C-alpha atoms as a PDB file:
ATOM      1  CA  MET A   1     -16.188  54.239  50.427  1.00  0.00           C
ATOM      2  CA  PHE A   2     -13.865  52.118  48.544  1.00  0.00           C
ATOM      3  CA  SER A   3     -13.692  51.626  44.821  1.00  0.00           C
ATOM      4  CA  ALA A   4     -11.603  49.737  42.572  1.00  0.00           C
ATOM      5  CA  SER A   5     -11.429  49.126  38.807  1.00  0.00           C
ATOM      6  CA  PHE A   6      -9.647  46.475  37.277  1.00  0.00           C
ATOM      7  CA  SER A   7      -8.458  46.756  33.944  1.00  0.00           C
ATOM      8  CA  HIS A   8      -8.123  42.974  33.302  1.00  0.00           C
ATOM      9  CA  GLY A   9     -11.145  42.794  31.325  1.00  0.00           C
ATOM     10  CA  GLN A  10     -11.607  40.739  27.784  1.00  0.00           C
ATOM     11  CA  THR A  11     -10.695  43.077  25.165  1.00  0.00           C
ATOM     12  CA  LEU A  12     -11.529  40.871  21.868  1.00  0.00           C
ATOM     13  CA  LYS A  13     -14.614  39.431  20.625  1.00  0.00           C
ATOM     14  CA  VAL A  14     -15.189  36.814  17.850  1.00  0.00           C
ATOM     15  CA  SER A  15     -15.985  39.800  15.612  1.00  0.00           C
ATOM     16  CA  ASP A  16     -12.284  41.200  16.407  1.00  0.00           C
ATOM     17  CA  LEU A  17     -10.798  37.871  15.602  1.00  0.00           C
ATOM     18  CA  ARG A  18     -12.513  37.646  12.171  1.00  0.00           C
ATOM     19  CA  LYS A  19     -11.209  41.102  11.647  1.00  0.00           C
ATOM     20  CA  ALA A  20      -7.387  40.462  12.989  1.00  0.00           C
ATOM     21  CA  PHE A  21      -6.076  39.612   9.457  1.00  0.00           C
ATOM     22  CA  ASP A  22      -6.152  41.917   6.826  1.00  0.00           C
ATOM     23  CA  HIS A  23      -5.721  39.996   3.629  1.00  0.00           C
ATOM     24  CA  ASP A  24      -5.228  43.261   1.584  1.00  0.00           C
ATOM     25  CA  HIS A  25      -2.753  44.386   4.168  1.00  0.00           C
ATOM     26  CA  PRO A  26      -0.970  41.394   5.921  1.00  0.00           C
ATOM     27  CA  THR A  27       1.471  43.635   7.888  1.00  0.00           C
ATOM     28  CA  GLU A  28      -1.086  46.018   9.332  1.00  0.00           C
ATOM     29  CA  HIS A  29      -2.847  45.277  12.244  1.00  0.00           C
ATOM     30  CA  ARG A  30      -5.671  48.022  12.613  1.00  0.00           C
ATOM     31  CA  GLN A  31      -8.282  45.984  14.154  1.00  0.00           C
ATOM     32  CA  LEU A  32      -6.036  44.668  16.986  1.00  0.00           C
ATOM     33  CA  ALA A  33      -4.128  48.023  17.285  1.00  0.00           C
ATOM     34  CA  SER A  34      -7.525  49.630  18.090  1.00  0.00           C
ATOM     35  CA  LYS A  35      -8.041  47.253  20.770  1.00  0.00           C
ATOM     36  CA  GLY A  36      -4.780  48.435  22.655  1.00  0.00           C
ATOM     37  CA  PHE A  37      -2.733  45.637  21.307  1.00  0.00           C
ATOM     38  CA  LYS A  38       0.943  46.342  20.413  1.00  0.00           C
ATOM     39  CA  LEU A  39       3.096  44.045  18.011  1.00  0.00           C
ATOM     40  CA  ILE A  40       5.679  42.470  19.471  1.00  0.00           C
ATOM     41  CA  SER A  41       7.140  40.272  17.109  1.00  0.00           C
ATOM     42  CA  GLU A  42       6.476  38.876  13.394  1.00  0.00           C
ATOM     43  CA  THR A  43       7.889  36.301  11.232  1.00  0.00           C
ATOM     44  CA  ILE A  44       6.762  36.321   7.497  1.00  0.00           C
ATOM     45  CA  SER A  45       7.726  33.705   4.729  1.00  0.00           C
ATOM     46  CA  GLU A  46       6.306  33.166   1.514  1.00  0.00           C
ATOM     47  CA  ASP A  47       3.541  30.904   2.698  1.00  0.00           C
ATOM     48  CA  GLN A  48       3.037  31.774   6.372  1.00  0.00           C
ATOM     49  CA  LYS A  49       2.768  35.217   8.492  1.00  0.00           C
ATOM     50  CA  LYS A  50       3.317  34.885  12.115  1.00  0.00           C
ATOM     51  CA  PHE A  51       2.415  37.817  14.566  1.00  0.00           C
ATOM     52  CA  ASN A  52       2.464  38.426  18.406  1.00  0.00           C
ATOM     53  CA  PHE A  53       0.921  40.916  20.314  1.00  0.00           C
ATOM     54  CA  LYS A  54       0.391  41.888  23.749  1.00  0.00           C
ATOM     55  CA  ASN A  55      -1.879  44.307  25.511  1.00  0.00           C
ATOM     56  CA  SER A  56      -0.104  45.891  28.497  1.00  0.00           C
ATOM     57  CA  GLU A  57      -3.106  47.137  30.020  1.00  0.00           C
ATOM     58  CA  THR A  58      -5.314  44.099  29.931  1.00  0.00           C
ATOM     59  CA  LYS A  59      -2.171  41.502  30.352  1.00  0.00           C
ATOM     60  CA  GLU A  60      -3.760  39.664  27.128  1.00  0.00           C
ATOM     61  CA  ILE A  61      -1.515  37.904  24.486  1.00  0.00           C
ATOM     62  CA  VAL A  62      -2.467  37.387  20.864  1.00  0.00           C
ATOM     63  CA  GLU A  63      -0.396  35.054  18.577  1.00  0.00           C
ATOM     64  CA  LEU A  64      -1.808  35.229  15.188  1.00  0.00           C
ATOM     65  CA  THR A  65      -0.353  32.444  12.187  1.00  0.00           C
ATOM     66  CA  PHE A  66      -1.949  33.024   8.718  1.00  0.00           C
ATOM     67  CA  THR A  67      -0.954  30.212   6.417  1.00  0.00           C
ATOM     68  CA  GLU A  68      -1.726  29.534   2.573  1.00  0.00           C
ATOM     69  CA  ASP A  69      -0.998  25.858   1.634  1.00  0.00           C
ATOM     70  CA  GLY A  70       0.293  26.445  -1.800  1.00  0.00           C
ATOM     71  CA  GLU A  71      -3.029  25.243  -3.893  1.00  0.00           C
ATOM     72  CA  GLY A  72      -4.963  28.279  -2.608  1.00  0.00           C
ATOM     73  CA  GLY A  73      -6.414  27.209   0.654  1.00  0.00           C
ATOM     74  CA  GLU A  74      -6.003  29.523   3.474  1.00  0.00           C
ATOM     75  CA  TYR A  75      -5.652  29.262   7.478  1.00  0.00           C
ATOM     76  CA  LEU A  76      -5.843  31.452   9.870  1.00  0.00           C
ATOM     77  CA  ASN A  77      -5.093  30.436  13.709  1.00  0.00           C
ATOM     78  CA  ILE A  78      -5.305  32.826  16.431  1.00  0.00           C
ATOM     79  CA  PHE A  79      -4.257  32.122  20.032  1.00  0.00           C
ATOM     80  CA  TYR A  80      -5.968  34.284  22.561  1.00  0.00           C
ATOM     81  CA  PHE A  81      -4.512  34.074  26.122  1.00  0.00           C
ATOM     82  CA  LEU A  82      -6.402  35.730  28.838  1.00  0.00           C
ATOM     83  CA  PRO A  83      -5.344  36.655  32.303  1.00  0.00           C
ATOM     84  CA  THR A  84      -8.462  35.539  34.361  1.00  0.00           C
ATOM     85  CA  GLU A  85     -11.064  32.826  34.406  1.00  0.00           C
ATOM     86  CA  ILE A  86     -13.894  35.417  34.423  1.00  0.00           C
ATOM     87  CA  THR A  87     -12.587  37.072  30.985  1.00  0.00           C
ATOM     88  CA  TYR A  88     -12.393  33.177  29.532  1.00  0.00           C
ATOM     89  CA  LYS A  89     -15.804  32.134  30.627  1.00  0.00           C
ATOM     90  CA  LYS A  90     -17.274  35.506  29.632  1.00  0.00           C
ATOM     91  CA  PHE A  91     -15.579  34.705  25.868  1.00  0.00           C
ATOM     92  CA  ILE A  92     -16.988  31.234  25.945  1.00  0.00           C
ATOM     93  CA  ALA A  93     -20.316  32.454  27.173  1.00  0.00           C
ATOM     94  CA  ALA A  94     -20.762  34.974  24.026  1.00  0.00           C
ATOM     95  CA  LEU A  95     -20.139  32.317  21.324  1.00  0.00           C
ATOM     96  CA  PRO A  96     -23.792  31.339  21.058  1.00  0.00           C
ATOM     97  CA  THR A  97     -24.514  34.800  20.171  1.00  0.00           C
ATOM     98  CA  TYR A  98     -22.280  34.089  17.094  1.00  0.00           C
ATOM     99  CA  LYS A  99     -24.143  30.871  16.216  1.00  0.00           C
ATOM    100  CA  PHE A 100     -21.353  28.525  17.280  1.00  0.00           C
ATOM    101  CA  LYS A 101     -22.283  25.365  18.533  1.00  0.00           C
ATOM    102  CA  TYR A 102     -20.481  23.021  20.691  1.00  0.00           C
ATOM    103  CA  SER A 103     -19.416  19.568  19.319  1.00  0.00           C
ATOM    104  CA  LYS A 104     -18.669  16.964  21.982  1.00  0.00           C
ATOM    105  CA  ARG A 105     -17.239  14.582  19.591  1.00  0.00           C
ATOM    106  CA  ASN A 106     -14.942  17.262  18.249  1.00  0.00           C
ATOM    107  CA  SER A 107     -14.253  18.854  21.531  1.00  0.00           C
ATOM    108  CA  ARG A 108     -14.806  22.302  20.171  1.00  0.00           C
ATOM    109  CA  TYR A 109     -17.399  25.127  19.220  1.00  0.00           C
ATOM    110  CA  GLN A 110     -17.794  25.231  15.509  1.00  0.00           C
ATOM    111  CA  LEU A 111     -19.490  27.393  12.853  1.00  0.00           C
ATOM    112  CA  PRO A 112     -19.277  25.422   9.075  1.00  0.00           C
ATOM    113  CA  THR A 113     -19.970  28.266   6.566  1.00  0.00           C
ATOM    114  CA  SER A 114     -19.870  25.813   3.866  1.00  0.00           C
ATOM    115  CA  SER A 115     -18.375  22.522   2.807  1.00  0.00           C
ATOM    116  CA  TYR A 116     -15.262  24.258   1.932  1.00  0.00           C
ATOM    117  CA  SER A 117     -14.893  26.779   4.665  1.00  0.00           C
ATOM    118  CA  GLY A 118     -15.742  27.240   8.470  1.00  0.00           C
ATOM    119  CA  GLU A 119     -14.660  28.472  11.906  1.00  0.00           C
ATOM    120  CA  ASN A 120     -13.725  26.783  14.978  1.00  0.00           C
ATOM    121  CA  ILE A 121     -12.855  27.692  18.594  1.00  0.00           C
ATOM    122  CA  TYR A 122     -10.959  25.482  20.831  1.00  0.00           C
ATOM    123  CA  SER A 123     -10.881  26.225  24.463  1.00  0.00           C
ATOM    124  CA  HIS A 124      -7.237  25.051  26.023  1.00  0.00           C
ATOM    125  CA  HIS A 125      -8.245  26.234  29.312  1.00  0.00           C
ATOM    126  CA  LEU A 126      -5.461  26.976  32.092  1.00  0.00           C
ATOM    127  CA  ILE A 127      -1.933  26.915  30.668  1.00  0.00           C
ATOM    128  CA  GLN A 128       1.341  28.714  31.508  1.00  0.00           C
ATOM    129  CA  LYS A 129       3.047  31.106  29.097  1.00  0.00           C
ATOM    130  CA  ASP A 130       6.070  33.136  29.897  1.00  0.00           C
ATOM    131  CA  GLY A 131       5.817  31.996  33.421  1.00  0.00           C
ATOM    132  CA  LYS A 132       2.247  33.178  34.277  1.00  0.00           C
ATOM    133  CA  ASN A 133      -1.129  31.398  34.322  1.00  0.00           C
ATOM    134  CA  TYR A 134      -3.220  32.113  31.162  1.00  0.00           C
ATOM    135  CA  TYR A 135      -6.650  30.708  30.094  1.00  0.00           C
ATOM    136  CA  SER A 136      -6.313  29.848  26.243  1.00  0.00           C
ATOM    137  CA  LEU A 137      -8.466  29.845  23.249  1.00  0.00           C
ATOM    138  CA  GLU A 138      -7.905  29.131  19.691  1.00  0.00           C
ATOM    139  CA  TYR A 139      -9.432  30.455  17.157  1.00  0.00           C
ATOM    140  CA  ALA A 140      -9.475  28.694  13.609  1.00  0.00           C
ATOM    141  CA  SER A 141     -10.753  29.497  10.151  1.00  0.00           C
ATOM    142  CA  TYR A 142     -10.268  27.847   7.141  1.00  0.00           C
ATOM    143  CA  LYS A 143     -11.180  28.751   3.352  1.00  0.00           C
ATOM    144  CA  ASP A 144     -10.398  26.352   0.564  1.00  0.00           C
ATOM    145  CA  LYS A 145      -9.085  27.405  -2.666  1.00  0.00           C
ATOM    146  CA  ALA A 146     -12.351  27.177  -4.506  1.00  0.00           C
ATOM    147  CA  LEU A 147     -13.522  30.090  -2.352  1.00  0.00           C
ATOM    148  CA  SER A 148     -10.110  32.149  -1.462  1.00  0.00           C
ATOM    149  CA  GLY A 149     -10.107  34.026  -4.849  1.00  0.00           C
ATOM    150  CA  PRO A 150      -7.123  35.926  -6.189  1.00  0.00           C
ATOM    151  CA  ARG A 151      -4.998  38.271  -3.628  1.00  0.00           C
ATOM    152  CA  PRO A 152      -4.021  41.710  -4.660  1.00  0.00           C
ATOM    153  CA  GLY A 153      -0.580  41.521  -6.150  1.00  0.00           C
ATOM    154  CA  SER A 154      -1.350  38.157  -7.759  1.00  0.00           C
ATOM    155  CA  ARG A 155      -2.432  37.687 -11.057  1.00  0.00           C
ATOM    156  CA  ASN A 156      -3.104  35.012 -13.834  1.00  0.00           C
ATOM    157  CA  GLU A 157       0.009  34.209 -15.906  1.00  0.00           C
ATOM    158  CA  ILE A 158      -1.739  32.179 -18.308  1.00  0.00           C
ATOM    159  CA  GLN A 159      -3.333  34.238 -21.252  1.00  0.00           C
ATOM    160  CA  PRO A 160      -6.467  33.129 -23.154  1.00  0.00           C
ATOM    161  CA  PRO A 161      -5.718  32.183 -26.494  1.00  0.00           C
ATOM    162  CA  PRO A 162      -6.209  34.721 -29.224  1.00  0.00           C
ATOM    163  CA  ILE A 163      -9.324  35.127 -31.130  1.00  0.00           C
ATOM    164  CA  LYS A 164      -9.021  34.876 -34.747  1.00  0.00           C
ATOM    165  CA  ASP A 165     -11.460  36.487 -37.309  1.00  0.00           C
ATOM    166  CA  SER A 166     -12.218  33.100 -38.892  1.00  0.00           C
ATOM    167  CA  MET A 167     -13.404  31.810 -35.503  1.00  0.00           C
ATOM    168  CA  ILE A 168     -16.093  34.356 -35.089  1.00  0.00           C
ATOM    169  CA  LYS A 169     -19.309  33.749 -37.156  1.00  0.00           C
ATOM    170  CA  VAL A 170     -22.546  35.264 -36.395  1.00  0.00           C
ATOM    171  CA  HIS A 171     -25.630  33.992 -38.068  1.00  0.00           C
ATOM    172  CA  ILE A 172     -28.335  36.039 -38.551  1.00  0.00           C
ATOM    173  CA  PRO A 173     -31.499  34.137 -39.880  1.00  0.00           C
ATOM    174  CA  GLU A 174     -33.560  35.865 -42.529  1.00  0.00           C
ATOM    175  CA  SER A 175     -37.032  36.643 -41.973  1.00  0.00           C
END
């Protein structure tokens, strides 16, 4: 009897991509590390953070970019490179379980969460990267400034006006 096992499986799901970037600890990558991905490179600037990961067992690659637009909006883009068509199709087939719907007009799988935020998955199909063929997907999420809220370490420098005793008047009606 002959048995073979392939290590070229799909490692990540949509739920993993959602957790891939930790806003509270942007240089820690627990979710991807727990799935066997190793950090290959990183580039961090004031408004953008880029990280490249590789899973040497499954031959998958992840390129993550988090951008703040200066007005409070947040963009997360993750390119997920899969080595086989089977793993690519398996990922695409699972999208309806996460409530994503395909939009022919926009050529993407989309999941709007509000008028100010949402998630999209673009299927880029077969591409060449580092001299090898990969099936590529792009996960993109956007959160508008109205929903993003303050981040740890950021604080409002504007102080409220002082309350003067003459401004506080309480009227208690007599009974």
